[in-house]
Amino acid sequence: MAPKTVYLSEDGLARLLKALGEAEVYAPVRRERGPAFARLDKVAEAELALRQPRPSASPKAFLLPARERVAVYTDISHLTLR
């Protein structure tokens, strides 16, 4: 069975966000330097960036920042340098 697509009006979206209550909700909000993703309950008077260009960072980059171990330092006193 194919998933059902549902479209919400801006008012419907506001009601949905209020109904979610304590859930963690992340969305693009208006910032001084352009829209950016943020947790809605941590942004004072968050204003959703619904009719603005998309944020430069993707949702994946915001939620899962890139991390790579470059080096691991261990005790190298037992090694001899040549």
PDB file of N, CA and C in Angstrom:
ATOM      1  N   MET A   1       0.835  -1.170   0.000  1.00  0.00           N
ATOM      2  CA  MET A   1       0.000   0.000   0.000  1.00  0.00           C
ATOM      3  C   MET A   1       0.889   1.245   0.000  1.00  0.00           C
ATOM      4  N   ALA A   2       0.636   2.168  -0.895  1.00  0.00           N
ATOM      5  CA  ALA A   2       1.426   3.392  -1.009  1.00  0.00           C
ATOM      6  C   ALA A   2       1.095   4.350   0.131  1.00  0.00           C
ATOM      7  N   PRO A   3       2.110   5.069   0.642  1.00  0.00           N
ATOM      8  CA  PRO A   3       1.837   6.035   1.707  1.00  0.00           C
ATOM      9  C   PRO A   3       0.941   7.165   1.194  1.00  0.00           C
ATOM     10  N   LYS A   4       0.110   7.676   2.070  1.00  0.00           N
ATOM     11  CA  LYS A   4      -0.804   8.752   1.721  1.00  0.00           C
ATOM     12  C   LYS A   4      -0.110  10.091   1.891  1.00  0.00           C
ATOM     13  N   THR A   5      -0.230  10.965   0.899  1.00  0.00           N
ATOM     14  CA  THR A   5       0.351  12.295   0.957  1.00  0.00           C
ATOM     15  C   THR A   5      -0.678  13.254   1.544  1.00  0.00           C
ATOM     16  N   VAL A   6      -0.241  14.055   2.514  1.00  0.00           N
ATOM     17  CA  VAL A   6      -1.117  15.014   3.167  1.00  0.00           C
ATOM     18  C   VAL A   6      -0.485  16.391   3.059  1.00  0.00           C
ATOM     19  N   TYR A   7      -1.273  17.378   2.681  1.00  0.00           N
ATOM     20  CA  TYR A   7      -0.808  18.753   2.581  1.00  0.00           C
ATOM     21  C   TYR A   7      -1.477  19.573   3.671  1.00  0.00           C
ATOM     22  N   LEU A   8      -0.689  20.435   4.330  1.00  0.00           N
ATOM     23  CA  LEU A   8      -1.197  21.278   5.400  1.00  0.00           C
ATOM     24  C   LEU A   8      -1.125  22.745   4.998  1.00  0.00           C
ATOM     25  N   SER A   9      -2.105  23.508   5.443  1.00  0.00           N
ATOM     26  CA  SER A   9      -2.025  24.957   5.278  1.00  0.00           C
ATOM     27  C   SER A   9      -1.076  25.481   6.364  1.00  0.00           C
ATOM     28  N   GLU A  10      -0.699  26.752   6.272  1.00  0.00           N
ATOM     29  CA  GLU A  10       0.179  27.326   7.298  1.00  0.00           C
ATOM     30  C   GLU A  10      -0.500  27.300   8.662  1.00  0.00           C
ATOM     31  N   ASP A  11      -1.802  27.566   8.706  1.00  0.00           N
ATOM     32  CA  ASP A  11      -2.535  27.502   9.975  1.00  0.00           C
ATOM     33  C   ASP A  11      -2.582  26.073  10.496  1.00  0.00           C
ATOM     34  N   GLY A  12      -2.768  25.121   9.586  1.00  0.00           N
ATOM     35  CA  GLY A  12      -2.791  23.713   9.978  1.00  0.00           C
ATOM     36  C   GLY A  12      -1.450  23.264  10.531  1.00  0.00           C
ATOM     37  N   LEU A  13      -0.368  23.780   9.956  1.00  0.00           N
ATOM     38  CA  LEU A  13       0.973  23.453  10.451  1.00  0.00           C
ATOM     39  C   LEU A  13       1.165  23.995  11.860  1.00  0.00           C
ATOM     40  N   ALA A  14       0.713  25.222  12.098  1.00  0.00           N
ATOM     41  CA  ALA A  14       0.831  25.807  13.434  1.00  0.00           C
ATOM     42  C   ALA A  14       0.048  24.974  14.451  1.00  0.00           C
ATOM     43  N   ARG A  15      -1.139  24.516  14.092  1.00  0.00           N
ATOM     44  CA  ARG A  15      -1.936  23.684  14.999  1.00  0.00           C
ATOM     45  C   ARG A  15      -1.246  22.342  15.245  1.00  0.00           C
ATOM     46  N   LEU A  16      -0.646  21.767  14.202  1.00  0.00           N
ATOM     47  CA  LEU A  16       0.062  20.491  14.353  1.00  0.00           C
ATOM     48  C   LEU A  16       1.241  20.649  15.305  1.00  0.00           C
ATOM     49  N   LEU A  17       2.011  21.719  15.159  1.00  0.00           N
ATOM     50  CA  LEU A  17       3.163  21.942  16.033  1.00  0.00           C
ATOM     51  C   LEU A  17       2.732  22.124  17.480  1.00  0.00           C
ATOM     52  N   LYS A  18       1.625  22.815  17.711  1.00  0.00           N
ATOM     53  CA  LYS A  18       1.115  22.973  19.075  1.00  0.00           C
ATOM     54  C   LYS A  18       0.645  21.639  19.634  1.00  0.00           C
ATOM     55  N   ALA A  19       0.070  20.796  18.789  1.00  0.00           N
ATOM     56  CA  ALA A  19      -0.431  19.495  19.237  1.00  0.00           C
ATOM     57  C   ALA A  19       0.702  18.542  19.599  1.00  0.00           C
ATOM     58  N   LEU A  20       1.874  18.738  19.023  1.00  0.00           N
ATOM     59  CA  LEU A  20       3.004  17.860  19.322  1.00  0.00           C
ATOM     60  C   LEU A  20       3.508  18.043  20.743  1.00  0.00           C
ATOM     61  N   GLY A  21       3.259  19.201  21.316  1.00  0.00           N
ATOM     62  CA  GLY A  21       3.579  19.452  22.725  1.00  0.00           C
ATOM     63  C   GLY A  21       5.044  19.294  23.064  1.00  0.00           C
ATOM     64  N   GLU A  22       5.377  18.244  23.824  1.00  0.00           N
ATOM     65  CA  GLU A  22       6.728  18.037  24.358  1.00  0.00           C
ATOM     66  C   GLU A  22       7.700  17.397  23.370  1.00  0.00           C
ATOM     67  N   ALA A  23       7.256  17.043  22.182  1.00  0.00           N
ATOM     68  CA  ALA A  23       8.135  16.389  21.206  1.00  0.00           C
ATOM     69  C   ALA A  23       9.222  17.354  20.731  1.00  0.00           C
ATOM     70  N   GLU A  24      10.379  16.805  20.374  1.00  0.00           N
ATOM     71  CA  GLU A  24      11.461  17.619  19.812  1.00  0.00           C
ATOM     72  C   GLU A  24      11.153  17.857  18.342  1.00  0.00           C
ATOM     73  N   VAL A  25      10.982  19.122  17.984  1.00  0.00           N
ATOM     74  CA  VAL A  25      10.661  19.484  16.605  1.00  0.00           C
ATOM     75  C   VAL A  25      11.742  20.422  16.097  1.00  0.00           C
ATOM     76  N   TYR A  26      12.319  20.086  14.958  1.00  0.00           N
ATOM     77  CA  TYR A  26      13.340  20.904  14.314  1.00  0.00           C
ATOM     78  C   TYR A  26      12.778  21.400  12.990  1.00  0.00           C
ATOM     79  N   ALA A  27      13.032  22.662  12.685  1.00  0.00           N
ATOM     80  CA  ALA A  27      12.517  23.243  11.454  1.00  0.00           C
ATOM     81  C   ALA A  27      13.375  24.443  11.085  1.00  0.00           C
ATOM     82  N   PRO A  28      13.300  24.875   9.819  1.00  0.00           N
ATOM     83  CA  PRO A  28      14.019  26.091   9.447  1.00  0.00           C
ATOM     84  C   PRO A  28      13.314  27.305  10.047  1.00  0.00           C
ATOM     85  N   VAL A  29      14.078  28.154  10.704  1.00  0.00           N
ATOM     86  CA  VAL A  29      13.548  29.382  11.295  1.00  0.00           C
ATOM     87  C   VAL A  29      14.301  30.572  10.726  1.00  0.00           C
ATOM     88  N   ARG A  30      13.685  31.734  10.825  1.00  0.00           N
ATOM     89  CA  ARG A  30      14.320  32.950  10.311  1.00  0.00           C
ATOM     90  C   ARG A  30      15.434  33.391  11.238  1.00  0.00           C
ATOM     91  N   ARG A  31      16.573  33.687  10.649  1.00  0.00           N
ATOM     92  CA  ARG A  31      17.739  34.205  11.374  1.00  0.00           C
ATOM     93  C   ARG A  31      18.210  35.469  10.679  1.00  0.00           C
ATOM     94  N   GLU A  32      19.081  36.179  11.345  1.00  0.00           N
ATOM     95  CA  GLU A  32      19.606  37.420  10.773  1.00  0.00           C
ATOM     96  C   GLU A  32      20.351  37.178   9.461  1.00  0.00           C
ATOM     97  N   ARG A  33      21.124  36.078   9.397  1.00  0.00           N
ATOM     98  CA  ARG A  33      21.919  35.783   8.195  1.00  0.00           C
ATOM     99  C   ARG A  33      21.222  34.823   7.251  1.00  0.00           C
ATOM    100  N   GLY A  34      19.916  34.635   7.409  1.00  0.00           N
ATOM    101  CA  GLY A  34      19.163  33.738   6.545  1.00  0.00           C
ATOM    102  C   GLY A  34      18.613  32.567   7.334  1.00  0.00           C
ATOM    103  N   PRO A  35      17.755  31.781   6.722  1.00  0.00           N
ATOM    104  CA  PRO A  35      17.127  30.677   7.454  1.00  0.00           C
ATOM    105  C   PRO A  35      18.145  29.618   7.887  1.00  0.00           C
ATOM    106  N   ALA A  36      17.886  29.037   9.056  1.00  0.00           N
ATOM    107  CA  ALA A  36      18.748  27.986   9.589  1.00  0.00           C
ATOM    108  C   ALA A  36      17.879  27.030  10.392  1.00  0.00           C
ATOM    109  N   PHE A  37      18.298  25.775  10.485  1.00  0.00           N
ATOM    110  CA  PHE A  37      17.560  24.793  11.262  1.00  0.00           C
ATOM    111  C   PHE A  37      17.799  25.021  12.744  1.00  0.00           C
ATOM    112  N   ALA A  38      16.748  24.834  13.540  1.00  0.00           N
ATOM    113  CA  ALA A  38      16.848  24.993  14.982  1.00  0.00           C
ATOM    114  C   ALA A  38      15.743  24.184  15.642  1.00  0.00           C
ATOM    115  N   ARG A  39      15.966  23.848  16.908  1.00  0.00           N
ATOM    116  CA  ARG A  39      14.925  23.193  17.698  1.00  0.00           C
ATOM    117  C   ARG A  39      13.920  24.264  18.086  1.00  0.00           C
ATOM    118  N   LEU A  40      12.660  24.049  17.775  1.00  0.00           N
ATOM    119  CA  LEU A  40      11.675  25.113  17.927  1.00  0.00           C
ATOM    120  C   LEU A  40      11.483  25.566  19.364  1.00  0.00           C
ATOM    121  N   ASP A  41      11.549  24.683  20.331  1.00  0.00           N
ATOM    122  CA  ASP A  41      11.318  25.121  21.706  1.00  0.00           C
ATOM    123  C   ASP A  41      12.508  25.860  22.295  1.00  0.00           C
ATOM    124  N   LYS A  42      13.668  25.811  21.643  1.00  0.00           N
ATOM    125  CA  LYS A  42      14.848  26.519  22.148  1.00  0.00           C
ATOM    126  C   LYS A  42      15.019  27.884  21.498  1.00  0.00           C
ATOM    127  N   VAL A  43      14.213  28.186  20.516  1.00  0.00           N
ATOM    128  CA  VAL A  43      14.305  29.470  19.831  1.00  0.00           C
ATOM    129  C   VAL A  43      13.206  30.366  20.384  1.00  0.00           C
ATOM    130  N   ALA A  44      13.590  31.501  20.925  1.00  0.00           N
ATOM    131  CA  ALA A  44      12.601  32.427  21.473  1.00  0.00           C
ATOM    132  C   ALA A  44      11.732  32.969  20.343  1.00  0.00           C
ATOM    133  N   GLU A  45      10.437  32.787  20.492  1.00  0.00           N
ATOM    134  CA  GLU A  45       9.480  33.261  19.504  1.00  0.00           C
ATOM    135  C   GLU A  45       9.895  32.851  18.091  1.00  0.00           C
ATOM    136  N   ALA A  46      10.124  31.581  17.912  1.00  0.00           N
ATOM    137  CA  ALA A  46      10.586  31.062  16.621  1.00  0.00           C
ATOM    138  C   ALA A  46       9.604  31.432  15.520  1.00  0.00           C
ATOM    139  N   GLU A  47      10.148  31.926  14.456  1.00  0.00           N
ATOM    140  CA  GLU A  47       9.351  32.265  13.303  1.00  0.00           C
ATOM    141  C   GLU A  47       9.779  31.328  12.185  1.00  0.00           C
ATOM    142  N   LEU A  48       8.901  30.439  11.803  1.00  0.00           N
ATOM    143  CA  LEU A  48       9.234  29.468  10.766  1.00  0.00           C
ATOM    144  C   LEU A  48       9.551  30.176   9.456  1.00  0.00           C
ATOM    145  N   ALA A  49      10.551  29.678   8.771  1.00  0.00           N
ATOM    146  CA  ALA A  49      10.956  30.239   7.487  1.00  0.00           C
ATOM    147  C   ALA A  49      10.253  29.457   6.383  1.00  0.00           C
ATOM    148  N   LEU A  50       8.944  29.659   6.272  1.00  0.00           N
ATOM    149  CA  LEU A  50       8.156  28.888   5.308  1.00  0.00           C
ATOM    150  C   LEU A  50       8.279  29.432   3.888  1.00  0.00           C
ATOM    151  N   ARG A  51       8.334  30.713   3.740  1.00  0.00           N
ATOM    152  CA  ARG A  51       8.351  31.311   2.404  1.00  0.00           C
ATOM    153  C   ARG A  51       9.696  31.983   2.112  1.00  0.00           C
ATOM    154  N   GLN A  52      10.752  31.336   2.526  1.00  0.00           N
ATOM    155  CA  GLN A  52      12.100  31.849   2.301  1.00  0.00           C
ATOM    156  C   GLN A  52      12.921  30.764   1.619  1.00  0.00           C
ATOM    157  N   PRO A  53      14.077  31.136   1.083  1.00  0.00           N
ATOM    158  CA  PRO A  53      14.953  30.110   0.498  1.00  0.00           C
ATOM    159  C   PRO A  53      15.321  29.063   1.545  1.00  0.00           C
ATOM    160  N   ARG A  54      15.672  27.903   1.090  1.00  0.00           N
ATOM    161  CA  ARG A  54      16.069  26.828   2.009  1.00  0.00           C
ATOM    162  C   ARG A  54      17.366  27.193   2.724  1.00  0.00           C
ATOM    163  N   PRO A  55      17.538  26.670   3.949  1.00  0.00           N
ATOM    164  CA  PRO A  55      18.812  26.893   4.654  1.00  0.00           C
ATOM    165  C   PRO A  55      19.972  26.312   3.856  1.00  0.00           C
ATOM    166  N   SER A  56      21.150  26.908   4.008  1.00  0.00           N
ATOM    167  CA  SER A  56      22.315  26.426   3.260  1.00  0.00           C
ATOM    168  C   SER A  56      22.754  25.049   3.734  1.00  0.00           C
ATOM    169  N   ALA A  57      22.575  24.744   5.020  1.00  0.00           N
ATOM    170  CA  ALA A  57      22.916  23.413   5.539  1.00  0.00           C
ATOM    171  C   ALA A  57      21.703  22.496   5.388  1.00  0.00           C
ATOM    172  N   SER A  58      21.955  21.258   5.015  1.00  0.00           N
ATOM    173  CA  SER A  58      20.865  20.294   4.873  1.00  0.00           C
ATOM    174  C   SER A  58      20.388  19.830   6.252  1.00  0.00           C
ATOM    175  N   PRO A  59      19.173  19.270   6.338  1.00  0.00           N
ATOM    176  CA  PRO A  59      18.722  18.732   7.623  1.00  0.00           C
ATOM    177  C   PRO A  59      19.677  17.649   8.149  1.00  0.00           C
ATOM    178  N   LYS A  60      20.220  16.832   7.246  1.00  0.00           N
ATOM    179  CA  LYS A  60      21.152  15.788   7.662  1.00  0.00           C
ATOM    180  C   LYS A  60      22.416  16.393   8.269  1.00  0.00           C
ATOM    181  N   ALA A  61      22.956  17.435   7.642  1.00  0.00           N
ATOM    182  CA  ALA A  61      24.164  18.077   8.165  1.00  0.00           C
ATOM    183  C   ALA A  61      23.899  18.733   9.514  1.00  0.00           C
ATOM    184  N   PHE A  62      22.692  19.239   9.727  1.00  0.00           N
ATOM    185  CA  PHE A  62      22.353  19.858  11.009  1.00  0.00           C
ATOM    186  C   PHE A  62      22.209  18.800  12.098  1.00  0.00           C
ATOM    187  N   LEU A  63      21.489  17.723  11.806  1.00  0.00           N
ATOM    188  CA  LEU A  63      21.215  16.703  12.820  1.00  0.00           C
ATOM    189  C   LEU A  63      22.382  15.741  13.043  1.00  0.00           C
ATOM    190  N   LEU A  64      23.171  15.489  12.001  1.00  0.00           N
ATOM    191  CA  LEU A  64      24.296  14.555  12.091  1.00  0.00           C
ATOM    192  C   LEU A  64      25.560  15.229  11.570  1.00  0.00           C
ATOM    193  N   PRO A  65      26.166  16.124  12.337  1.00  0.00           N
ATOM    194  CA  PRO A  65      27.372  16.807  11.856  1.00  0.00           C
ATOM    195  C   PRO A  65      28.491  15.823  11.556  1.00  0.00           C
ATOM    196  N   ALA A  66      29.259  16.141  10.527  1.00  0.00           N
ATOM    197  CA  ALA A  66      30.358  15.262  10.118  1.00  0.00           C
ATOM    198  C   ALA A  66      31.424  15.204  11.201  1.00  0.00           C
ATOM    199  N   ARG A  67      31.856  13.998  11.500  1.00  0.00           N
ATOM    200  CA  ARG A  67      32.928  13.792  12.476  1.00  0.00           C
ATOM    201  C   ARG A  67      33.842  12.705  11.950  1.00  0.00           C
ATOM    202  N   GLU A  68      35.117  12.983  12.022  1.00  0.00           N
ATOM    203  CA  GLU A  68      36.095  12.002  11.565  1.00  0.00           C
ATOM    204  C   GLU A  68      37.297  12.060  12.498  1.00  0.00           C
ATOM    205  N   ARG A  69      37.708  10.902  12.968  1.00  0.00           N
ATOM    206  CA  ARG A  69      38.895  10.845  13.823  1.00  0.00           C
ATOM    207  C   ARG A  69      40.115  10.986  12.931  1.00  0.00           C
ATOM    208  N   VAL A  70      40.903  11.992  13.193  1.00  0.00           N
ATOM    209  CA  VAL A  70      42.080  12.266  12.382  1.00  0.00           C
ATOM    210  C   VAL A  70      43.297  11.547  12.940  1.00  0.00           C
ATOM    211  N   ALA A  71      43.444  11.552  14.257  1.00  0.00           N
ATOM    212  CA  ALA A  71      44.604  10.910  14.866  1.00  0.00           C
ATOM    213  C   ALA A  71      44.254  10.475  16.281  1.00  0.00           C
ATOM    214  N   VAL A  72      44.984   9.456  16.733  1.00  0.00           N
ATOM    215  CA  VAL A  72      44.854   8.987  18.106  1.00  0.00           C
ATOM    216  C   VAL A  72      46.251   8.995  18.696  1.00  0.00           C
ATOM    217  N   TYR A  73      46.417   9.738  19.775  1.00  0.00           N
ATOM    218  CA  TYR A  73      47.716   9.817  20.420  1.00  0.00           C
ATOM    219  C   TYR A  73      47.781   8.799  21.546  1.00  0.00           C
ATOM    220  N   THR A  74      48.800   8.000  21.521  1.00  0.00           N
ATOM    221  CA  THR A  74      49.026   7.011  22.570  1.00  0.00           C
ATOM    222  C   THR A  74      50.426   7.215  23.136  1.00  0.00           C
ATOM    223  N   ASP A  75      50.763   6.426  24.083  1.00  0.00           N
ATOM    224  CA  ASP A  75      52.101   6.491  24.671  1.00  0.00           C
ATOM    225  C   ASP A  75      53.085   5.911  23.673  1.00  0.00           C
ATOM    226  N   ILE A  76      53.968   6.752  23.132  1.00  0.00           N
ATOM    227  CA  ILE A  76      54.930   6.290  22.126  1.00  0.00           C
ATOM    228  C   ILE A  76      56.355   6.185  22.710  1.00  0.00           C
ATOM    229  N   SER A  77      56.460   6.145  24.028  1.00  0.00           N
ATOM    230  CA  SER A  77      57.779   6.110  24.665  1.00  0.00           C
ATOM    231  C   SER A  77      58.523   4.799  24.353  1.00  0.00           C
ATOM    232  N   HIS A  78      57.788   3.745  24.023  1.00  0.00           N
ATOM    233  CA  HIS A  78      58.440   2.461  23.747  1.00  0.00           C
ATOM    234  C   HIS A  78      58.983   2.381  22.312  1.00  0.00           C
ATOM    235  N   LEU A  79      58.669   3.369  21.457  1.00  0.00           N
ATOM    236  CA  LEU A  79      59.161   3.363  20.073  1.00  0.00           C
ATOM    237  C   LEU A  79      60.529   4.021  19.992  1.00  0.00           C
ATOM    238  N   THR A  80      61.338   3.578  19.067  1.00  0.00           N
ATOM    239  CA  THR A  80      62.645   4.194  18.851  1.00  0.00           C
ATOM    240  C   THR A  80      62.602   4.962  17.528  1.00  0.00           C
ATOM    241  N   LEU A  81      63.142   6.148  17.543  1.00  0.00           N
ATOM    242  CA  LEU A  81      63.166   6.971  16.339  1.00  0.00           C
ATOM    243  C   LEU A  81      64.477   6.737  15.598  1.00  0.00           C
ATOM    244  N   ARG A  82      64.410   6.666  14.310  1.00  0.00           N
ATOM    245  CA  ARG A  82      65.609   6.452  13.491  1.00  0.00           C
ATOM    246  C   ARG A  82      65.930   7.643  12.679  1.00  0.00           C
TER     247      ARG A  82
END
